[in-house]
């Protein structure tokens, strides 16, 4: 109840504003924004590498190929539709 009443009045927690000379607004320098932007960009690149690595490793699973098949039985690019043996691509002879 106490927190609900204080939240309605606009401040749940008490902070020492006089000592820290704060007005409730988070401020940072250009260097801070630069570091934050590079950290976000770095995380995006990191998770992108993880994503594309998983796509490569589990390519057969995402394509719907049975994981019980041997590697010799699967050849990428032979059929126009994956797993449909009636759609074998024609070999063009030059």
PDB file of N, CA and C in Angstrom:
ATOM      1  N   UNK A   1       0.827  -1.203   0.000  1.00  0.00           N
ATOM      2  CA  UNK A   1       0.000   0.000   0.000  1.00  0.00           C
ATOM      3  C   UNK A   1       0.863   1.255   0.000  1.00  0.00           C
ATOM      4  N   UNK A   2       1.903   1.198   0.780  1.00  0.00           N
ATOM      5  CA  UNK A   2       2.749   2.388   0.911  1.00  0.00           C
ATOM      6  C   UNK A   2       3.349   2.786  -0.439  1.00  0.00           C
ATOM      7  N   UNK A   3       3.850   1.796  -1.195  1.00  0.00           N
ATOM      8  CA  UNK A   3       4.432   2.093  -2.503  1.00  0.00           C
ATOM      9  C   UNK A   3       3.376   2.569  -3.492  1.00  0.00           C
ATOM     10  N   UNK A   4       2.181   2.012  -3.410  1.00  0.00           N
ATOM     11  CA  UNK A   4       1.109   2.427  -4.319  1.00  0.00           C
ATOM     12  C   UNK A   4       0.722   3.876  -4.068  1.00  0.00           C
ATOM     13  N   UNK A   5       0.630   4.269  -2.805  1.00  0.00           N
ATOM     14  CA  UNK A   5       0.290   5.670  -2.490  1.00  0.00           C
ATOM     15  C   UNK A   5       1.385   6.618  -2.967  1.00  0.00           C
ATOM     16  N   UNK A   6       2.636   6.224  -2.735  1.00  0.00           N
ATOM     17  CA  UNK A   6       3.736   7.104  -3.132  1.00  0.00           C
ATOM     18  C   UNK A   6       3.871   7.172  -4.647  1.00  0.00           C
ATOM     19  N   UNK A   7       3.529   6.080  -5.351  1.00  0.00           N
ATOM     20  CA  UNK A   7       3.588   6.086  -6.808  1.00  0.00           C
ATOM     21  C   UNK A   7       2.541   7.029  -7.379  1.00  0.00           C
ATOM     22  N   UNK A   8       1.393   7.124  -6.736  1.00  0.00           N
ATOM     23  CA  UNK A   8       0.356   8.048  -7.202  1.00  0.00           C
ATOM     24  C   UNK A   8       0.777   9.492  -7.015  1.00  0.00           C
ATOM     25  N   UNK A   9       1.609   9.739  -6.013  1.00  0.00           N
ATOM     26  CA  UNK A   9       2.088  11.096  -5.769  1.00  0.00           C
ATOM     27  C   UNK A   9       3.287  11.442  -6.645  1.00  0.00           C
ATOM     28  N   UNK A  10       3.817  10.469  -7.366  1.00  0.00           N
ATOM     29  CA  UNK A  10       4.853  10.782  -8.339  1.00  0.00           C
ATOM     30  C   UNK A  10       6.248  10.349  -7.987  1.00  0.00           C
ATOM     31  N   UNK A  11       6.497   9.870  -6.763  1.00  0.00           N
ATOM     32  CA  UNK A  11       7.846   9.450  -6.408  1.00  0.00           C
ATOM     33  C   UNK A  11       7.772   8.250  -5.477  1.00  0.00           C
ATOM     34  N   UNK A  12       8.242   7.111  -5.950  1.00  0.00           N
ATOM     35  CA  UNK A  12       8.188   5.887  -5.152  1.00  0.00           C
ATOM     36  C   UNK A  12       9.353   5.833  -4.177  1.00  0.00           C
ATOM     37  N   UNK A  13      10.545   6.183  -4.631  1.00  0.00           N
ATOM     38  CA  UNK A  13      11.740   6.099  -3.797  1.00  0.00           C
ATOM     39  C   UNK A  13      12.273   7.501  -3.533  1.00  0.00           C
ATOM     40  N   UNK A  14      12.934   7.655  -2.397  1.00  0.00           N
ATOM     41  CA  UNK A  14      13.559   8.936  -2.049  1.00  0.00           C
ATOM     42  C   UNK A  14      15.035   8.892  -2.433  1.00  0.00           C
ATOM     43  N   UNK A  15      15.475   9.914  -3.130  1.00  0.00           N
ATOM     44  CA  UNK A  15      16.878  10.048  -3.485  1.00  0.00           C
ATOM     45  C   UNK A  15      17.388  11.365  -2.924  1.00  0.00           C
ATOM     46  N   UNK A  16      18.662  11.363  -2.564  1.00  0.00           N
ATOM     47  CA  UNK A  16      19.275  12.580  -2.035  1.00  0.00           C
ATOM     48  C   UNK A  16      19.677  13.462  -3.211  1.00  0.00           C
ATOM     49  N   UNK A  17      18.787  14.353  -3.594  1.00  0.00           N
ATOM     50  CA  UNK A  17      19.038  15.199  -4.765  1.00  0.00           C
ATOM     51  C   UNK A  17      20.033  16.312  -4.486  1.00  0.00           C
ATOM     52  N   UNK A  18      20.066  16.789  -3.278  1.00  0.00           N
ATOM     53  CA  UNK A  18      20.940  17.921  -2.964  1.00  0.00           C
ATOM     54  C   UNK A  18      22.409  17.510  -3.008  1.00  0.00           C
ATOM     55  N   UNK A  19      22.737  16.371  -2.437  1.00  0.00           N
ATOM     56  CA  UNK A  19      24.133  15.935  -2.394  1.00  0.00           C
ATOM     57  C   UNK A  19      24.653  15.596  -3.787  1.00  0.00           C
ATOM     58  N   UNK A  20      23.825  14.887  -4.557  1.00  0.00           N
ATOM     59  CA  UNK A  20      24.260  14.457  -5.879  1.00  0.00           C
ATOM     60  C   UNK A  20      24.011  15.504  -6.952  1.00  0.00           C
ATOM     61  N   UNK A  21      23.319  16.582  -6.603  1.00  0.00           N
ATOM     62  CA  UNK A  21      23.004  17.675  -7.523  1.00  0.00           C
ATOM     63  C   UNK A  21      22.314  17.131  -8.783  1.00  0.00           C
ATOM     64  N   UNK A  22      21.295  16.283  -8.562  1.00  0.00           N
ATOM     65  CA  UNK A  22      20.590  15.680  -9.689  1.00  0.00           C
ATOM     66  C   UNK A  22      19.180  16.236  -9.786  1.00  0.00           C
ATOM     67  N   UNK A  23      18.684  16.336 -11.019  1.00  0.00           N
ATOM     68  CA  UNK A  23      17.336  16.852 -11.242  1.00  0.00           C
ATOM     69  C   UNK A  23      16.411  15.784 -11.824  1.00  0.00           C
ATOM     70  N   UNK A  24      16.843  14.522 -11.855  1.00  0.00           N
ATOM     71  CA  UNK A  24      15.996  13.441 -12.329  1.00  0.00           C
ATOM     72  C   UNK A  24      16.144  13.128 -13.803  1.00  0.00           C
ATOM     73  N   UNK A  25      17.035  13.810 -14.492  1.00  0.00           N
ATOM     74  CA  UNK A  25      17.256  13.564 -15.915  1.00  0.00           C
ATOM     75  C   UNK A  25      18.632  12.933 -16.076  1.00  0.00           C
ATOM     76  N   UNK A  26      18.689  11.829 -16.793  1.00  0.00           N
ATOM     77  CA  UNK A  26      19.967  11.178 -17.031  1.00  0.00           C
ATOM     78  C   UNK A  26      20.686  11.909 -18.159  1.00  0.00           C
ATOM     79  N   UNK A  27      21.862  12.382 -17.869  1.00  0.00           N
ATOM     80  CA  UNK A  27      22.639  13.112 -18.863  1.00  0.00           C
ATOM     81  C   UNK A  27      23.948  12.368 -19.099  1.00  0.00           C
ATOM     82  N   UNK A  28      24.431  12.452 -20.315  1.00  0.00           N
ATOM     83  CA  UNK A  28      25.710  11.829 -20.628  1.00  0.00           C
ATOM     84  C   UNK A  28      26.420  12.672 -21.679  1.00  0.00           C
ATOM     85  N   UNK A  29      27.680  12.393 -21.832  1.00  0.00           N
ATOM     86  CA  UNK A  29      28.488  13.143 -22.787  1.00  0.00           C
ATOM     87  C   UNK A  29      28.400  12.503 -24.170  1.00  0.00           C
ATOM     88  N   UNK A  30      29.034  13.153 -25.116  1.00  0.00           N
ATOM     89  CA  UNK A  30      29.113  12.604 -26.465  1.00  0.00           C
ATOM     90  C   UNK A  30      29.868  11.283 -26.456  1.00  0.00           C
ATOM     91  N   UNK A  31      30.906  11.222 -25.647  1.00  0.00           N
ATOM     92  CA  UNK A  31      31.676   9.984 -25.535  1.00  0.00           C
ATOM     93  C   UNK A  31      30.816   8.843 -24.994  1.00  0.00           C
ATOM     94  N   UNK A  32      29.922   9.146 -24.053  1.00  0.00           N
ATOM     95  CA  UNK A  32      29.017   8.135 -23.515  1.00  0.00           C
ATOM     96  C   UNK A  32      28.068   7.597 -24.568  1.00  0.00           C
ATOM     97  N   UNK A  33      27.482   8.505 -25.375  1.00  0.00           N
ATOM     98  CA  UNK A  33      26.585   8.062 -26.452  1.00  0.00           C
ATOM     99  C   UNK A  33      27.344   7.271 -27.511  1.00  0.00           C
ATOM    100  N   UNK A  34      28.569   7.690 -27.779  1.00  0.00           N
ATOM    101  CA  UNK A  34      29.406   6.990 -28.753  1.00  0.00           C
ATOM    102  C   UNK A  34      29.689   5.561 -28.285  1.00  0.00           C
ATOM    103  N   UNK A  35      30.047   5.421 -27.006  1.00  0.00           N
ATOM    104  CA  UNK A  35      30.324   4.098 -26.452  1.00  0.00           C
ATOM    105  C   UNK A  35      29.061   3.237 -26.439  1.00  0.00           C
ATOM    106  N   UNK A  36      27.932   3.838 -26.075  1.00  0.00           N
ATOM    107  CA  UNK A  36      26.663   3.103 -26.045  1.00  0.00           C
ATOM    108  C   UNK A  36      26.281   2.626 -27.446  1.00  0.00           C
ATOM    109  N   UNK A  37      26.417   3.493 -28.439  1.00  0.00           N
ATOM    110  CA  UNK A  37      26.069   3.126 -29.812  1.00  0.00           C
ATOM    111  C   UNK A  37      26.971   2.002 -30.319  1.00  0.00           C
ATOM    112  N   UNK A  38      28.254   2.070 -30.003  1.00  0.00           N
ATOM    113  CA  UNK A  38      29.162   1.017 -30.445  1.00  0.00           C
ATOM    114  C   UNK A  38      28.907  -0.299 -29.716  1.00  0.00           C
ATOM    115  N   UNK A  39      28.515  -0.232 -28.457  1.00  0.00           N
ATOM    116  CA  UNK A  39      28.168  -1.461 -27.731  1.00  0.00           C
ATOM    117  C   UNK A  39      26.934  -2.113 -28.348  1.00  0.00           C
ATOM    118  N   UNK A  40      25.928  -1.299 -28.670  1.00  0.00           N
ATOM    119  CA  UNK A  40      24.716  -1.843 -29.312  1.00  0.00           C
ATOM    120  C   UNK A  40      25.048  -2.429 -30.679  1.00  0.00           C
ATOM    121  N   UNK A  41      25.828  -1.718 -31.453  1.00  0.00           N
ATOM    122  CA  UNK A  41      26.211  -2.186 -32.784  1.00  0.00           C
ATOM    123  C   UNK A  41      27.028  -3.474 -32.687  1.00  0.00           C
ATOM    124  N   UNK A  42      27.942  -3.532 -31.704  1.00  0.00           N
ATOM    125  CA  UNK A  42      28.743  -4.737 -31.502  1.00  0.00           C
ATOM    126  C   UNK A  42      27.887  -5.933 -31.118  1.00  0.00           C
ATOM    127  N   UNK A  43      26.889  -5.722 -30.254  1.00  0.00           N
ATOM    128  CA  UNK A  43      25.981  -6.812 -29.888  1.00  0.00           C
ATOM    129  C   UNK A  43      25.168  -7.272 -31.088  1.00  0.00           C
ATOM    130  N   UNK A  44      24.750  -6.320 -31.912  1.00  0.00           N
ATOM    131  CA  UNK A  44      24.001  -6.681 -33.112  1.00  0.00           C
ATOM    132  C   UNK A  44      24.854  -7.553 -34.034  1.00  0.00           C
ATOM    133  N   UNK A  45      26.099  -7.171 -34.232  1.00  0.00           N
ATOM    134  CA  UNK A  45      27.008  -7.962 -35.064  1.00  0.00           C
ATOM    135  C   UNK A  45      27.266  -9.323 -34.451  1.00  0.00           C
ATOM    136  N   UNK A  46      27.456  -9.367 -33.122  1.00  0.00           N
ATOM    137  CA  UNK A  46      27.736 -10.628 -32.444  1.00  0.00           C
ATOM    138  C   UNK A  46      26.581 -11.601 -32.615  1.00  0.00           C
ATOM    139  N   UNK A  47      25.360 -11.149 -32.327  1.00  0.00           N
ATOM    140  CA  UNK A  47      24.211 -12.036 -32.456  1.00  0.00           C
ATOM    141  C   UNK A  47      23.920 -12.365 -33.918  1.00  0.00           C
ATOM    142  N   UNK A  48      24.278 -11.469 -34.828  1.00  0.00           N
ATOM    143  CA  UNK A  48      24.156 -11.773 -36.246  1.00  0.00           C
ATOM    144  C   UNK A  48      25.089 -12.899 -36.659  1.00  0.00           C
ATOM    145  N   UNK A  49      26.308 -12.888 -36.127  1.00  0.00           N
ATOM    146  CA  UNK A  49      27.240 -13.974 -36.424  1.00  0.00           C
ATOM    147  C   UNK A  49      26.730 -15.291 -35.851  1.00  0.00           C
ATOM    148  N   UNK A  50      26.190 -15.253 -34.639  1.00  0.00           N
ATOM    149  CA  UNK A  50      25.626 -16.465 -34.037  1.00  0.00           C
ATOM    150  C   UNK A  50      24.468 -16.972 -34.888  1.00  0.00           C
ATOM    151  N   UNK A  51      23.588 -16.060 -35.320  1.00  0.00           N
ATOM    152  CA  UNK A  51      22.422 -16.431 -36.128  1.00  0.00           C
ATOM    153  C   UNK A  51      22.845 -17.104 -37.434  1.00  0.00           C
ATOM    154  N   UNK A  52      23.764 -16.476 -38.152  1.00  0.00           N
ATOM    155  CA  UNK A  52      24.169 -17.021 -39.442  1.00  0.00           C
ATOM    156  C   UNK A  52      24.982 -18.305 -39.280  1.00  0.00           C
ATOM    157  N   UNK A  53      25.732 -18.411 -38.205  1.00  0.00           N
ATOM    158  CA  UNK A  53      26.429 -19.668 -37.937  1.00  0.00           C
ATOM    159  C   UNK A  53      25.459 -20.810 -37.687  1.00  0.00           C
ATOM    160  N   UNK A  54      24.413 -20.541 -36.908  1.00  0.00           N
ATOM    161  CA  UNK A  54      23.390 -21.569 -36.657  1.00  0.00           C
ATOM    162  C   UNK A  54      22.656 -21.925 -37.941  1.00  0.00           C
ATOM    163  N   UNK A  55      22.394 -20.944 -38.787  1.00  0.00           N
ATOM    164  CA  UNK A  55      21.726 -21.233 -40.060  1.00  0.00           C
ATOM    165  C   UNK A  55      22.584 -22.146 -40.925  1.00  0.00           C
ATOM    166  N   UNK A  56      23.898 -21.960 -40.881  1.00  0.00           N
ATOM    167  CA  UNK A  56      24.785 -22.790 -41.684  1.00  0.00           C
ATOM    168  C   UNK A  56      24.900 -24.201 -41.108  1.00  0.00           C
ATOM    169  N   UNK A  57      25.053 -24.287 -39.800  1.00  0.00           N
ATOM    170  CA  UNK A  57      25.221 -25.595 -39.172  1.00  0.00           C
ATOM    171  C   UNK A  57      23.959 -26.443 -39.311  1.00  0.00           C
ATOM    172  N   UNK A  58      22.800 -25.819 -39.119  1.00  0.00           N
ATOM    173  CA  UNK A  58      21.539 -26.559 -39.137  1.00  0.00           C
ATOM    174  C   UNK A  58      20.763 -26.339 -40.430  1.00  0.00           C
ATOM    175  N   UNK A  59      21.483 -26.150 -41.538  1.00  0.00           N
ATOM    176  CA  UNK A  59      20.848 -25.887 -42.830  1.00  0.00           C
ATOM    177  C   UNK A  59      19.922 -27.021 -43.252  1.00  0.00           C
ATOM    178  N   UNK A  60      20.334 -28.252 -43.009  1.00  0.00           N
ATOM    179  CA  UNK A  60      19.502 -29.392 -43.400  1.00  0.00           C
ATOM    180  C   UNK A  60      18.223 -29.470 -42.579  1.00  0.00           C
ATOM    181  N   UNK A  61      18.295 -29.129 -41.313  1.00  0.00           N
ATOM    182  CA  UNK A  61      17.100 -29.169 -40.464  1.00  0.00           C
ATOM    183  C   UNK A  61      16.098 -28.118 -40.916  1.00  0.00           C
ATOM    184  N   UNK A  62      16.591 -26.906 -41.205  1.00  0.00           N
ATOM    185  CA  UNK A  62      15.693 -25.830 -41.638  1.00  0.00           C
ATOM    186  C   UNK A  62      15.097 -26.116 -43.013  1.00  0.00           C
ATOM    187  N   UNK A  63      15.807 -26.889 -43.835  1.00  0.00           N
ATOM    188  CA  UNK A  63      15.301 -27.223 -45.162  1.00  0.00           C
ATOM    189  C   UNK A  63      14.298 -28.365 -45.124  1.00  0.00           C
ATOM    190  N   UNK A  64      14.137 -29.007 -43.977  1.00  0.00           N
ATOM    191  CA  UNK A  64      13.166 -30.083 -43.848  1.00  0.00           C
ATOM    192  C   UNK A  64      13.709 -31.449 -44.202  1.00  0.00           C
ATOM    193  N   UNK A  65      15.027 -31.599 -44.217  1.00  0.00           N
ATOM    194  CA  UNK A  65      15.634 -32.888 -44.545  1.00  0.00           C
ATOM    195  C   UNK A  65      15.698 -33.732 -43.277  1.00  0.00           C
ATOM    196  N   UNK A  66      15.373 -35.009 -43.408  1.00  0.00           N
ATOM    197  CA  UNK A  66      15.364 -35.927 -42.275  1.00  0.00           C
ATOM    198  C   UNK A  66      16.769 -36.036 -41.687  1.00  0.00           C
ATOM    199  N   UNK A  67      16.941 -35.780 -40.389  1.00  0.00           N
ATOM    200  CA  UNK A  67      18.285 -35.848 -39.798  1.00  0.00           C
ATOM    201  C   UNK A  67      18.855 -37.265 -39.734  1.00  0.00           C
ATOM    202  N   UNK A  68      18.015 -38.280 -39.946  1.00  0.00           N
ATOM    203  CA  UNK A  68      18.485 -39.662 -39.901  1.00  0.00           C
ATOM    204  C   UNK A  68      19.196 -40.084 -41.185  1.00  0.00           C
ATOM    205  N   UNK A  69      19.077 -39.299 -42.259  1.00  0.00           N
ATOM    206  CA  UNK A  69      19.719 -39.649 -43.531  1.00  0.00           C
ATOM    207  C   UNK A  69      21.230 -39.477 -43.437  1.00  0.00           C
ATOM    208  N   UNK A  70      21.939 -40.302 -44.191  1.00  0.00           N
ATOM    209  CA  UNK A  70      23.389 -40.152 -44.263  1.00  0.00           C
ATOM    210  C   UNK A  70      23.728 -38.945 -45.127  1.00  0.00           C
ATOM    211  N   UNK A  71      24.962 -38.459 -44.973  1.00  0.00           N
ATOM    212  CA  UNK A  71      25.392 -37.303 -45.763  1.00  0.00           C
ATOM    213  C   UNK A  71      25.474 -37.638 -47.247  1.00  0.00           C
ATOM    214  N   UNK A  72      25.705 -38.914 -47.572  1.00  0.00           N
ATOM    215  CA  UNK A  72      25.799 -39.320 -48.976  1.00  0.00           C
ATOM    216  C   UNK A  72      24.446 -39.277 -49.675  1.00  0.00           C
ATOM    217  N   UNK A  73      23.370 -39.356 -48.916  1.00  0.00           N
ATOM    218  CA  UNK A  73      22.040 -39.397 -49.503  1.00  0.00           C
ATOM    219  C   UNK A  73      21.478 -38.006 -49.784  1.00  0.00           C
ATOM    220  N   UNK A  74      22.138 -36.968 -49.287  1.00  0.00           N
ATOM    221  CA  UNK A  74      21.625 -35.607 -49.446  1.00  0.00           C
ATOM    222  C   UNK A  74      22.620 -34.797 -50.262  1.00  0.00           C
ATOM    223  N   UNK A  75      22.132 -34.176 -51.321  1.00  0.00           N
ATOM    224  CA  UNK A  75      22.968 -33.289 -52.122  1.00  0.00           C
ATOM    225  C   UNK A  75      22.162 -32.030 -52.396  1.00  0.00           C
ATOM    226  N   UNK A  76      22.644 -30.907 -51.927  1.00  0.00           N
ATOM    227  CA  UNK A  76      21.921 -29.654 -52.092  1.00  0.00           C
ATOM    228  C   UNK A  76      21.955 -29.211 -53.546  1.00  0.00           C
ATOM    229  N   UNK A  77      20.820 -28.776 -54.049  1.00  0.00           N
ATOM    230  CA  UNK A  77      20.730 -28.241 -55.390  1.00  0.00           C
ATOM    231  C   UNK A  77      20.362 -29.242 -56.456  1.00  0.00           C
ATOM    232  N   UNK A  78      20.097 -30.509 -56.091  1.00  0.00           N
ATOM    233  CA  UNK A  78      19.739 -31.515 -57.088  1.00  0.00           C
ATOM    234  C   UNK A  78      18.282 -31.355 -57.505  1.00  0.00           C
ATOM    235  N   UNK A  79      17.404 -31.065 -56.540  1.00  0.00           N
ATOM    236  CA  UNK A  79      15.980 -30.953 -56.817  1.00  0.00           C
ATOM    237  C   UNK A  79      15.528 -29.503 -56.722  1.00  0.00           C
ATOM    238  N   UNK A  80      14.542 -29.121 -57.536  1.00  0.00           N
ATOM    239  CA  UNK A  80      14.005 -27.769 -57.459  1.00  0.00           C
ATOM    240  C   UNK A  80      13.232 -27.576 -56.163  1.00  0.00           C
ATOM    241  N   UNK A  81      12.492 -28.608 -55.748  1.00  0.00           N
ATOM    242  CA  UNK A  81      11.800 -28.606 -54.465  1.00  0.00           C
ATOM    243  C   UNK A  81      12.495 -29.614 -53.567  1.00  0.00           C
ATOM    244  N   UNK A  82      12.871 -29.193 -52.379  1.00  0.00           N
ATOM    245  CA  UNK A  82      13.624 -30.060 -51.489  1.00  0.00           C
ATOM    246  C   UNK A  82      12.783 -31.277 -51.110  1.00  0.00           C
ATOM    247  N   UNK A  83      13.339 -32.457 -51.305  1.00  0.00           N
ATOM    248  CA  UNK A  83      12.684 -33.687 -50.906  1.00  0.00           C
ATOM    249  C   UNK A  83      11.714 -34.255 -51.916  1.00  0.00           C
ATOM    250  N   UNK A  84      11.443 -33.564 -53.015  1.00  0.00           N
ATOM    251  CA  UNK A  84      10.510 -34.048 -54.033  1.00  0.00           C
ATOM    252  C   UNK A  84      11.325 -34.604 -55.200  1.00  0.00           C
ATOM    253  N   UNK A  85      11.383 -35.939 -55.312  1.00  0.00           N
ATOM    254  CA  UNK A  85      12.241 -36.572 -56.318  1.00  0.00           C
ATOM    255  C   UNK A  85      11.728 -36.380 -57.734  1.00  0.00           C
ATOM    256  N   UNK A  86      10.489 -35.928 -57.897  1.00  0.00           N
ATOM    257  CA  UNK A  86       9.952 -35.715 -59.244  1.00  0.00           C
ATOM    258  C   UNK A  86      10.415 -34.391 -59.841  1.00  0.00           C
ATOM    259  N   UNK A  87      11.070 -33.544 -59.066  1.00  0.00           N
ATOM    260  CA  UNK A  87      11.484 -32.225 -59.559  1.00  0.00           C
ATOM    261  C   UNK A  87      12.994 -32.141 -59.743  1.00  0.00           C
ATOM    262  N   UNK A  88      13.606 -33.229 -60.200  1.00  0.00           N
ATOM    263  CA  UNK A  88      15.058 -33.218 -60.422  1.00  0.00           C
ATOM    264  C   UNK A  88      15.409 -32.205 -61.503  1.00  0.00           C
ATOM    265  N   UNK A  89      16.446 -31.404 -61.243  1.00  0.00           N
ATOM    266  CA  UNK A  89      16.873 -30.391 -62.209  1.00  0.00           C
ATOM    267  C   UNK A  89      17.508 -31.059 -63.417  1.00  0.00           C
ATOM    268  N   UNK A  90      17.274 -30.481 -64.571  1.00  0.00           N
ATOM    269  CA  UNK A  90      17.868 -30.995 -65.805  1.00  0.00           C
ATOM    270  C   UNK A  90      19.315 -30.543 -65.909  1.00  0.00           C
ATOM    271  N   UNK A  91      20.140 -31.433 -66.376  1.00  0.00           N
ATOM    272  CA  UNK A  91      21.537 -31.098 -66.601  1.00  0.00           C
ATOM    273  C   UNK A  91      21.651 -30.535 -68.006  1.00  0.00           C
ATOM    274  N   UNK A  92      22.156 -29.319 -68.108  1.00  0.00           N
ATOM    275  CA  UNK A  92      22.309 -28.681 -69.415  1.00  0.00           C
ATOM    276  C   UNK A  92      23.636 -29.100 -70.019  1.00  0.00           C
ATOM    277  N   UNK A  93      23.589 -29.713 -71.170  1.00  0.00           N
ATOM    278  CA  UNK A  93      24.832 -30.098 -71.840  1.00  0.00           C
ATOM    279  C   UNK A  93      25.199 -29.014 -72.849  1.00  0.00           C
ATOM    280  N   UNK A  94      26.438 -28.635 -72.827  1.00  0.00           N
ATOM    281  CA  UNK A  94      26.870 -27.539 -73.690  1.00  0.00           C
ATOM    282  C   UNK A  94      27.296 -27.986 -75.041  1.00  0.00           C
TER     283      UNK A  94
END
